Amino acid sequence: MLGNFSYCNPTKLYFGDNSLKYLGDELKKYGQNVVLIYGGGSIKKNGIYDEVIGILNEAGKTVSEISGVMPNPTLEKLYEGIEIARKANADLILAVGGGSVCDYAKAVAVSVNCDEDPWEKYFVKFDEPECKIVPVGCVLTMVGTGSEMNAGSVITNRKASLKIGHVFASEEVMPRFSVLNPKYTLTLPHYQMVAGIYDIFNHICEQYFSGEDDNTSDYLAEALMKSLLVSSRIANKNPNDYEARSNIMWTATWALNTLIAKGKSTDWEVHMLGQAVGAITDATHGMTLAAVSLPYYRHIMPYGLKKFRRFAVNVFGVNELGKTDEEIANEGLKALEDWMNEIGLVMNITELGATENDIEKIADATLVMEGGYKVLNRDDIVEILRESL
């Protein structure tokens, strides 16, 4: 390993089908006022809301609610949440939902005590919080983002047609605790399940497809990808398979809690492309990644051929006998494409609502990242987006 790094992850995890019972213990550590954040109301239908409210009431907490957090949380919704949390004098923000709800909770947490505009400060300038950060806890009901154990937050500015993520440097932004009960994910629609699965896989790829040194992080990434391939196929056939869903949930957490990024560069360009598509179409995040990733990987493969060859052999078991490195690497991407089709992912941005007329606008909204095998120019971005139609 050639990189130099420090590593600390302060989030405490409670995992398993009885993990919610530990929420009461965590609530004792915080003040009276809890702001409960959730999405469109599915937690009320499946009973999770009642379970959480019961524990909050038993703990004697004063509860304020921010409901209706959408899959791509908007700046307008963030402003609304900040005002509610300020009026509540929040001592703890409790997110109950998927990655978008957790992302949103962190954005509220860093903004409540900040006088500056959160969009300008955190998502344009990428400044760090200088104010007191309200603690966040999570009860996860959907997997994919890894937001339950990282300091990332993604907000969509619809007026500017921008969807931007900020991974905060401060450990205080990370959830203080997260409850992970795989049973809570069993009621997800198939579309949401497989979108989350690809989000997980792509998080790993973004950290894997960079660097040339012999890096322990890459071996960890390969193991996580192989585990996800096995579990995704089982869950795709039987969504109620607890073992498969629990492995998917655990893989999602380790895919993006910063561990496998240590000691190496990373390449987040697929996410930049996908987020730009999402800003225009408001499509599900994992599906935007699926729609743009193969054209991107085919574009950069010649510049990182050694790693793409390794990916083909070590992750998908491609037979390397009698083949060139390029042939092996191409077989690996074909195997990836076959798996994506097998589990039912969206494979083009047209299906997500984008058209040829949107290409220039999406390209304008795509941030260019460094750290990968090729730094894209605007012509590259336009070409990849056209190949994604």
Protein backbone atom coordinates (compact mmCIF):
# COMPACT_ATOMS: atom_id res chain seq x y z
CA MET A 1 0.00 0.00 0.00
CA LEU A 2 1.40 3.34 -1.07
CA GLY A 3 -1.10 5.69 0.58
CA ASN A 4 -0.88 7.51 3.91
CA PHE A 5 -4.03 7.87 5.96
CA SER A 6 -5.75 8.09 9.32
CA TYR A 7 -8.93 6.18 10.03
CA CYS A 8 -11.68 6.70 12.58
CA ASN A 9 -15.33 5.75 12.34
CA PRO A 10 -17.30 6.68 15.47
CA THR A 11 -20.70 5.27 14.46
CA LYS A 12 -22.00 2.53 16.75
CA LEU A 13 -24.03 -0.12 14.93
CA TYR A 14 -26.78 -2.38 16.24
CA PHE A 15 -27.42 -5.17 13.73
CA GLY A 16 -30.02 -7.93 13.59
CA ASP A 17 -33.72 -8.68 13.87
CA ASN A 18 -33.94 -7.44 17.49
CA SER A 19 -31.66 -4.42 17.08
CA LEU A 20 -34.34 -1.76 17.66
CA LYS A 21 -34.47 -2.68 21.34
CA TYR A 22 -31.18 -0.81 21.78
CA LEU A 23 -32.69 2.50 20.67
CA GLY A 24 -33.90 3.19 24.19
CA ASP A 25 -30.37 2.82 25.56
CA GLU A 26 -29.07 5.31 23.02
CA LEU A 27 -31.81 7.86 23.72
CA LYS A 28 -30.62 8.15 27.33
CA LYS A 29 -27.43 9.80 26.08
CA TYR A 30 -29.20 12.82 24.58
CA GLY A 31 -31.43 15.67 25.68
CA GLN A 32 -35.17 16.04 25.84
CA ASN A 33 -35.98 17.20 22.30
CA VAL A 34 -35.90 14.69 19.46
CA VAL A 35 -36.69 15.54 15.83
CA LEU A 36 -37.98 12.45 14.03
CA ILE A 37 -37.37 12.49 10.26
CA TYR A 38 -38.93 10.06 7.80
CA GLY A 39 -40.12 9.78 4.21
CA GLY A 40 -43.42 9.30 2.47
CA GLY A 41 -45.22 7.33 5.15
CA SER A 42 -44.30 3.70 4.44
CA ILE A 43 -43.00 3.36 8.01
CA LYS A 44 -46.55 4.06 9.21
CA LYS A 45 -47.96 1.31 7.02
CA ASN A 46 -45.43 -1.34 8.04
CA GLY A 47 -45.51 -0.56 11.76
CA ILE A 48 -41.97 0.76 12.19
CA TYR A 49 -43.24 4.25 13.03
CA ASP A 50 -45.35 2.94 15.90
CA GLU A 51 -42.42 0.93 17.24
CA VAL A 52 -40.11 3.96 17.19
CA ILE A 53 -42.71 6.35 18.65
CA GLY A 54 -43.38 3.85 21.43
CA ILE A 55 -39.70 3.80 22.38
CA LEU A 56 -39.47 7.61 22.21
CA ASN A 57 -42.54 7.98 24.44
CA GLU A 58 -41.23 5.41 26.90
CA ALA A 59 -38.01 7.43 27.09
CA GLY A 60 -40.07 10.54 27.86
CA LYS A 61 -38.84 12.50 24.87
CA THR A 62 -40.53 15.53 23.34
CA VAL A 63 -40.90 14.65 19.66
CA SER A 64 -41.19 16.93 16.64
CA GLU A 65 -41.55 15.46 13.16
CA ILE A 66 -40.26 16.20 9.68
CA SER A 67 -42.15 13.93 7.28
CA GLY A 68 -42.28 13.62 3.51
CA VAL A 69 -38.56 13.52 2.80
CA MET A 70 -38.36 12.56 -0.87
CA PRO A 71 -35.91 10.10 -2.52
CA ASN A 72 -33.82 13.03 -3.82
CA PRO A 73 -34.13 15.52 -0.94
CA THR A 74 -34.52 19.07 -2.19
CA LEU A 75 -33.09 22.33 -0.96
CA GLU A 76 -36.60 23.61 -0.27
CA LYS A 77 -37.23 20.58 1.95
CA LEU A 78 -33.92 21.24 3.71
CA TYR A 79 -34.95 24.82 4.52
CA GLU A 80 -38.24 23.50 5.91
CA GLY A 81 -36.47 20.96 8.10
CA ILE A 82 -34.00 23.49 9.45
CA GLU A 83 -36.83 25.71 10.68
CA ILE A 84 -38.63 22.80 12.36
CA ALA A 85 -35.44 21.63 14.09
CA ARG A 86 -34.65 25.17 15.25
CA LYS A 87 -38.10 25.68 16.74
CA ALA A 88 -37.81 22.29 18.47
CA ASN A 89 -34.39 23.18 19.91
CA ALA A 90 -33.27 19.74 18.74
CA ASP A 91 -30.99 17.69 20.97
CA LEU A 92 -31.06 14.67 18.63
CA ILE A 93 -32.14 14.12 15.05
CA LEU A 94 -33.47 10.60 14.49
CA ALA A 95 -33.69 9.50 10.86
CA VAL A 96 -35.98 6.53 10.17
CA GLY A 97 -35.80 5.45 6.54
CA GLY A 98 -33.35 4.88 3.73
CA GLY A 99 -30.25 6.70 2.60
CA SER A 100 -32.05 9.82 1.45
CA VAL A 101 -33.61 10.31 4.89
CA CYS A 102 -30.22 9.77 6.57
CA ASP A 103 -28.51 12.14 4.11
CA TYR A 104 -31.18 14.75 4.75
CA ALA A 105 -30.88 14.39 8.52
CA LYS A 106 -27.15 15.13 8.33
CA ALA A 107 -27.79 18.21 6.18
CA VAL A 108 -30.26 19.48 8.78
CA ALA A 109 -27.83 18.66 11.60
CA VAL A 110 -25.02 20.83 10.18
CA SER A 111 -27.40 23.69 9.32
CA VAL A 112 -29.58 24.19 12.41
CA ASN A 113 -27.02 26.33 14.23
CA CYS A 114 -25.48 27.89 11.12
CA ASP A 115 -26.46 31.40 10.01
CA GLU A 116 -25.16 30.96 6.45
CA ASP A 117 -27.12 29.53 3.54
CA PRO A 118 -26.52 25.74 3.66
CA TRP A 119 -26.51 25.31 -0.12
CA GLU A 120 -23.86 27.94 -0.67
CA LYS A 121 -21.76 26.91 2.31
CA TYR A 122 -21.88 23.13 2.11
CA PHE A 123 -22.79 22.23 -1.48
CA VAL A 124 -21.15 25.03 -3.49
CA LYS A 125 -18.12 26.03 -1.42
CA PHE A 126 -17.86 22.61 0.30
CA ASP A 127 -17.01 24.32 3.58
CA GLU A 128 -16.97 22.42 6.84
CA PRO A 129 -19.34 23.22 9.73
CA GLU A 130 -18.10 25.84 12.16
CA CYS A 131 -21.21 25.73 14.31
CA LYS A 132 -22.50 23.18 16.79
CA ILE A 133 -23.66 20.02 14.98
CA VAL A 134 -26.81 18.34 16.24
CA PRO A 135 -26.22 14.59 16.83
CA VAL A 136 -27.84 12.19 14.35
CA GLY A 137 -29.06 8.65 14.86
CA CYS A 138 -30.47 6.34 12.17
CA VAL A 139 -32.95 3.50 12.00
CA LEU A 140 -32.35 2.06 8.54
CA THR A 141 -35.25 0.71 6.44
CA MET A 142 -33.65 0.64 2.99
CA VAL A 143 -30.06 -0.19 2.03
CA GLY A 144 -27.75 1.18 -0.63
CA THR A 145 -26.17 4.48 0.27
CA GLY A 146 -24.12 3.50 3.32
CA SER A 147 -25.28 6.79 4.83
CA GLU A 148 -25.84 5.02 8.14
CA MET A 149 -22.06 4.93 8.77
CA ASN A 150 -20.56 7.84 6.85
CA ALA A 151 -20.54 11.64 6.78
CA GLY A 152 -22.07 12.07 3.33
CA SER A 153 -25.11 14.12 2.40
CA VAL A 154 -26.68 14.72 -1.03
CA ILE A 155 -29.11 17.56 -1.75
CA THR A 156 -30.91 18.48 -4.99
CA ASN A 157 -31.34 22.10 -6.04
CA ARG A 158 -34.19 21.91 -8.54
CA LYS A 159 -33.95 25.55 -9.59
CA ALA A 160 -30.30 25.10 -10.55
CA SER A 161 -30.85 21.52 -11.86
CA LEU A 162 -28.01 20.32 -9.63
CA LYS A 163 -27.69 17.32 -7.34
CA ILE A 164 -24.56 17.60 -5.22
CA GLY A 165 -23.06 15.48 -2.47
CA HIS A 166 -20.75 16.61 0.28
CA VAL A 167 -18.74 14.11 2.30
CA PHE A 168 -17.98 16.08 5.43
CA ALA A 169 -14.57 15.79 7.05
CA SER A 170 -15.91 16.18 10.58
CA GLU A 171 -16.50 12.94 12.47
CA GLU A 172 -19.33 14.72 14.32
CA VAL A 173 -21.45 14.64 11.15
CA MET A 174 -21.45 10.83 11.15
CA PRO A 175 -24.42 9.20 12.86
CA ARG A 176 -23.65 8.55 16.50
CA PHE A 177 -25.53 5.26 16.21
CA SER A 178 -27.43 3.29 13.58
CA VAL A 179 -29.97 0.48 13.97
CA LEU A 180 -29.81 -2.08 11.15
CA ASN A 181 -32.65 -4.61 11.10
CA PRO A 182 -32.68 -6.58 7.83
CA LYS A 183 -36.38 -7.42 8.35
CA TYR A 184 -37.22 -3.76 7.76
CA THR A 185 -35.98 -4.09 4.18
CA LEU A 186 -38.15 -7.09 3.24
CA THR A 187 -41.19 -5.02 2.25
CA LEU A 188 -39.34 -2.90 -0.31
CA PRO A 189 -40.62 -3.06 -3.90
CA HIS A 190 -38.33 -5.04 -6.22
CA TYR A 191 -37.37 -1.89 -8.15
CA GLN A 192 -36.09 -0.21 -4.99
CA MET A 193 -34.32 -3.35 -3.82
CA VAL A 194 -32.27 -3.81 -6.99
CA ALA A 195 -31.58 -0.07 -7.28
CA GLY A 196 -30.08 -0.24 -3.81
CA ILE A 197 -28.08 -3.32 -4.70
CA TYR A 198 -26.48 -1.55 -7.65
CA ASP A 199 -25.80 1.54 -5.57
CA ILE A 200 -23.83 -0.72 -3.21
CA PHE A 201 -21.94 -2.40 -6.05
CA ASN A 202 -21.08 0.90 -7.65
CA HIS A 203 -19.82 2.38 -4.39
CA ILE A 204 -17.32 -0.44 -4.30
CA CYS A 205 -16.37 0.05 -7.95
CA GLU A 206 -15.78 3.77 -7.45
CA GLN A 207 -13.11 2.92 -4.88
CA TYR A 208 -11.77 -0.13 -6.73
CA PHE A 209 -11.15 1.24 -10.24
CA SER A 210 -8.18 3.42 -9.34
CA GLY A 211 -4.56 2.89 -8.44
CA GLU A 212 -2.05 0.27 -9.56
CA ASP A 213 -0.33 -0.75 -6.29
CA ASP A 214 -0.92 -3.97 -4.39
CA ASN A 215 -3.49 -2.63 -1.98
CA THR A 216 -5.32 -4.51 0.76
CA SER A 217 -8.35 -2.30 0.15
CA ASP A 218 -8.76 -3.81 -3.33
CA TYR A 219 -8.84 -7.35 -1.92
CA LEU A 220 -11.53 -6.26 0.55
CA ALA A 221 -13.48 -4.65 -2.31
CA GLU A 222 -13.37 -7.85 -4.37
CA ALA A 223 -14.69 -9.90 -1.46
CA LEU A 224 -17.55 -7.45 -0.90
CA MET A 225 -18.47 -7.51 -4.60
CA LYS A 226 -18.46 -11.32 -4.70
CA SER A 227 -20.64 -11.50 -1.60
CA LEU A 228 -23.08 -9.02 -3.14
CA LEU A 229 -23.30 -10.99 -6.39
CA VAL A 230 -24.27 -14.12 -4.47
CA SER A 231 -26.77 -12.44 -2.16
CA SER A 232 -28.34 -10.32 -4.92
CA ARG A 233 -29.13 -13.38 -7.01
CA ILE A 234 -30.74 -15.13 -4.05
CA ALA A 235 -32.75 -12.04 -3.07
CA ASN A 236 -33.79 -11.44 -6.66
CA LYS A 237 -35.45 -14.86 -6.71
CA ASN A 238 -36.69 -14.75 -3.14
CA PRO A 239 -36.86 -11.22 -1.66
CA ASN A 240 -37.88 -12.68 1.72
CA ASP A 241 -34.63 -14.62 2.17
CA TYR A 242 -33.42 -13.10 5.45
CA GLU A 243 -29.85 -14.34 5.14
CA ALA A 244 -29.42 -12.80 1.70
CA ARG A 245 -31.02 -9.50 2.75
CA SER A 246 -28.89 -9.34 5.90
CA ASN A 247 -25.72 -9.86 3.87
CA ILE A 248 -26.81 -7.14 1.43
CA MET A 249 -27.44 -4.75 4.32
CA TRP A 250 -24.05 -5.45 5.92
CA THR A 251 -22.25 -5.15 2.58
CA ALA A 252 -23.90 -1.77 1.96
CA THR A 253 -22.51 -0.43 5.22
CA TRP A 254 -18.96 -1.61 4.56
CA ALA A 255 -19.07 -0.49 0.95
CA LEU A 256 -19.14 3.17 1.96
CA ASN A 257 -17.96 3.64 5.53
CA THR A 258 -14.58 4.79 4.08
CA LEU A 259 -12.68 1.61 5.04
CA ILE A 260 -12.00 0.31 1.52
CA ALA A 261 -10.94 3.76 0.31
CA LYS A 262 -8.00 3.85 2.67
CA GLY A 263 -4.52 3.81 1.18
CA LYS A 264 -5.58 4.65 -2.37
CA SER A 265 -7.14 7.16 -4.72
CA THR A 266 -10.82 6.85 -5.63
CA ASP A 267 -12.89 7.63 -8.72
CA TRP A 268 -16.44 8.96 -8.20
CA GLU A 269 -17.20 9.97 -11.79
CA VAL A 270 -20.03 7.47 -12.26
CA HIS A 271 -21.75 9.11 -9.30
CA MET A 272 -21.21 12.55 -10.80
CA LEU A 273 -22.78 11.40 -14.08
CA GLY A 274 -25.63 9.63 -12.30
CA GLN A 275 -26.36 12.55 -10.00
CA ALA A 276 -26.49 14.92 -12.98
CA VAL A 277 -29.01 12.59 -14.65
CA GLY A 278 -30.95 12.45 -11.39
CA ALA A 279 -31.05 16.23 -11.11
CA ILE A 280 -32.74 16.44 -14.53
CA THR A 281 -35.02 13.38 -14.29
CA ASP A 282 -35.55 12.94 -10.51
CA ALA A 283 -34.95 9.23 -11.16
CA THR A 284 -34.00 6.70 -8.48
CA HIS A 285 -30.32 7.10 -7.64
CA GLY A 286 -29.21 3.48 -8.09
CA MET A 287 -30.88 3.31 -11.49
CA THR A 288 -29.12 6.47 -12.71
CA LEU A 289 -25.81 4.83 -11.80
CA ALA A 290 -26.74 1.63 -13.62
CA ALA A 291 -27.71 3.57 -16.74
CA VAL A 292 -24.38 5.39 -17.11
CA SER A 293 -21.79 3.07 -15.59
CA LEU A 294 -21.08 0.63 -18.44
CA PRO A 295 -20.51 3.37 -21.05
CA TYR A 296 -18.18 5.07 -18.56
CA TYR A 297 -16.23 1.90 -17.77
CA ARG A 298 -15.82 1.07 -21.44
CA HIS A 299 -14.53 4.60 -21.97
CA ILE A 300 -11.86 4.42 -19.25
CA MET A 301 -10.96 0.72 -19.54
CA PRO A 302 -7.98 1.25 -21.91
CA TYR A 303 -6.41 3.55 -19.32
CA GLY A 304 -6.87 1.09 -16.44
CA LEU A 305 -6.64 -2.20 -18.32
CA LYS A 306 -4.70 -4.01 -15.61
CA LYS A 307 -7.39 -3.40 -12.98
CA PHE A 308 -10.26 -4.21 -15.33
CA ARG A 309 -8.53 -7.48 -16.18
CA ARG A 310 -8.17 -8.24 -12.47
CA PHE A 311 -11.86 -7.38 -11.91
CA ALA A 312 -12.90 -9.83 -14.63
CA VAL A 313 -10.87 -12.69 -13.18
CA ASN A 314 -11.20 -12.10 -9.43
CA VAL A 315 -14.82 -10.93 -9.25
CA PHE A 316 -16.56 -12.67 -12.16
CA GLY A 317 -14.25 -15.67 -12.60
CA VAL A 318 -13.46 -15.03 -16.27
CA ASN A 319 -11.21 -17.73 -17.75
CA GLU A 320 -7.97 -16.02 -18.81
CA LEU A 321 -6.39 -18.86 -20.82
CA GLY A 322 -5.40 -17.92 -24.37
CA LYS A 323 -6.86 -14.42 -24.19
CA THR A 324 -5.39 -10.95 -24.33
CA ASP A 325 -5.76 -8.59 -21.40
CA GLU A 326 -8.27 -6.56 -23.40
CA GLU A 327 -10.37 -9.63 -24.22
CA ILE A 328 -10.42 -10.65 -20.54
CA ALA A 329 -11.35 -7.14 -19.42
CA ASN A 330 -14.16 -6.93 -21.98
CA GLU A 331 -15.50 -10.30 -20.80
CA GLY A 332 -15.57 -8.90 -17.28
CA LEU A 333 -17.68 -5.93 -18.34
CA LYS A 334 -19.95 -8.26 -20.31
CA ALA A 335 -20.38 -10.40 -17.17
CA LEU A 336 -21.23 -7.25 -15.23
CA GLU A 337 -23.79 -6.29 -17.87
CA ASP A 338 -25.33 -9.78 -17.78
CA TRP A 339 -25.71 -9.63 -13.99
CA MET A 340 -27.26 -6.16 -14.19
CA ASN A 341 -29.82 -7.39 -16.71
CA GLU A 342 -30.44 -10.53 -14.65
CA ILE A 343 -31.51 -8.64 -11.54
CA GLY A 344 -33.58 -6.12 -13.51
CA LEU A 345 -31.70 -2.83 -13.55
CA VAL A 346 -32.41 0.09 -15.87
CA MET A 347 -29.66 0.08 -18.50
CA ASN A 348 -30.16 3.44 -20.23
CA ILE A 349 -31.09 7.00 -19.32
CA THR A 350 -33.88 7.09 -21.91
CA GLU A 351 -35.93 4.76 -19.71
CA LEU A 352 -35.37 7.22 -16.86
CA GLY A 353 -36.86 10.06 -18.88
CA ALA A 354 -33.78 11.70 -20.41
CA THR A 355 -33.66 12.57 -24.11
CA GLU A 356 -31.06 13.67 -26.63
CA ASN A 357 -32.16 17.24 -25.94
CA ASP A 358 -31.13 16.85 -22.27
CA ILE A 359 -27.54 15.76 -22.99
CA GLU A 360 -25.96 19.22 -22.96
CA LYS A 361 -27.80 20.19 -19.80
CA ILE A 362 -26.78 16.97 -18.04
CA ALA A 363 -23.19 17.48 -19.17
CA ASP A 364 -23.24 21.01 -17.72
CA ALA A 365 -24.40 19.59 -14.37
CA THR A 366 -21.72 16.85 -14.27
CA LEU A 367 -18.81 17.54 -11.94
CA VAL A 368 -15.40 16.31 -13.11
CA MET A 369 -13.48 14.24 -10.58
CA GLU A 370 -9.82 13.31 -10.39
CA GLY A 371 -8.37 10.12 -9.00
CA GLY A 372 -9.48 7.67 -11.67
CA TYR A 373 -7.70 6.33 -14.73
CA LYS A 374 -8.82 9.22 -16.95
CA VAL A 375 -9.97 12.72 -16.08
CA LEU A 376 -12.91 13.45 -18.37
CA ASN A 377 -13.27 16.54 -20.51
CA ARG A 378 -16.64 17.85 -21.64
CA ASP A 379 -16.50 16.00 -24.96
CA ASP A 380 -15.90 12.76 -23.05
CA ILE A 381 -18.93 13.44 -20.85
CA VAL A 382 -21.19 14.16 -23.81
CA GLU A 383 -20.01 11.00 -25.59
CA ILE A 384 -20.63 8.82 -22.51
CA LEU A 385 -24.09 10.32 -22.00
CA ARG A 386 -25.01 9.71 -25.65
CA GLU A 387 -23.86 6.11 -25.32
CA SER A 388 -26.10 5.88 -22.23
CA LEU A 389 -29.28 6.84 -24.12
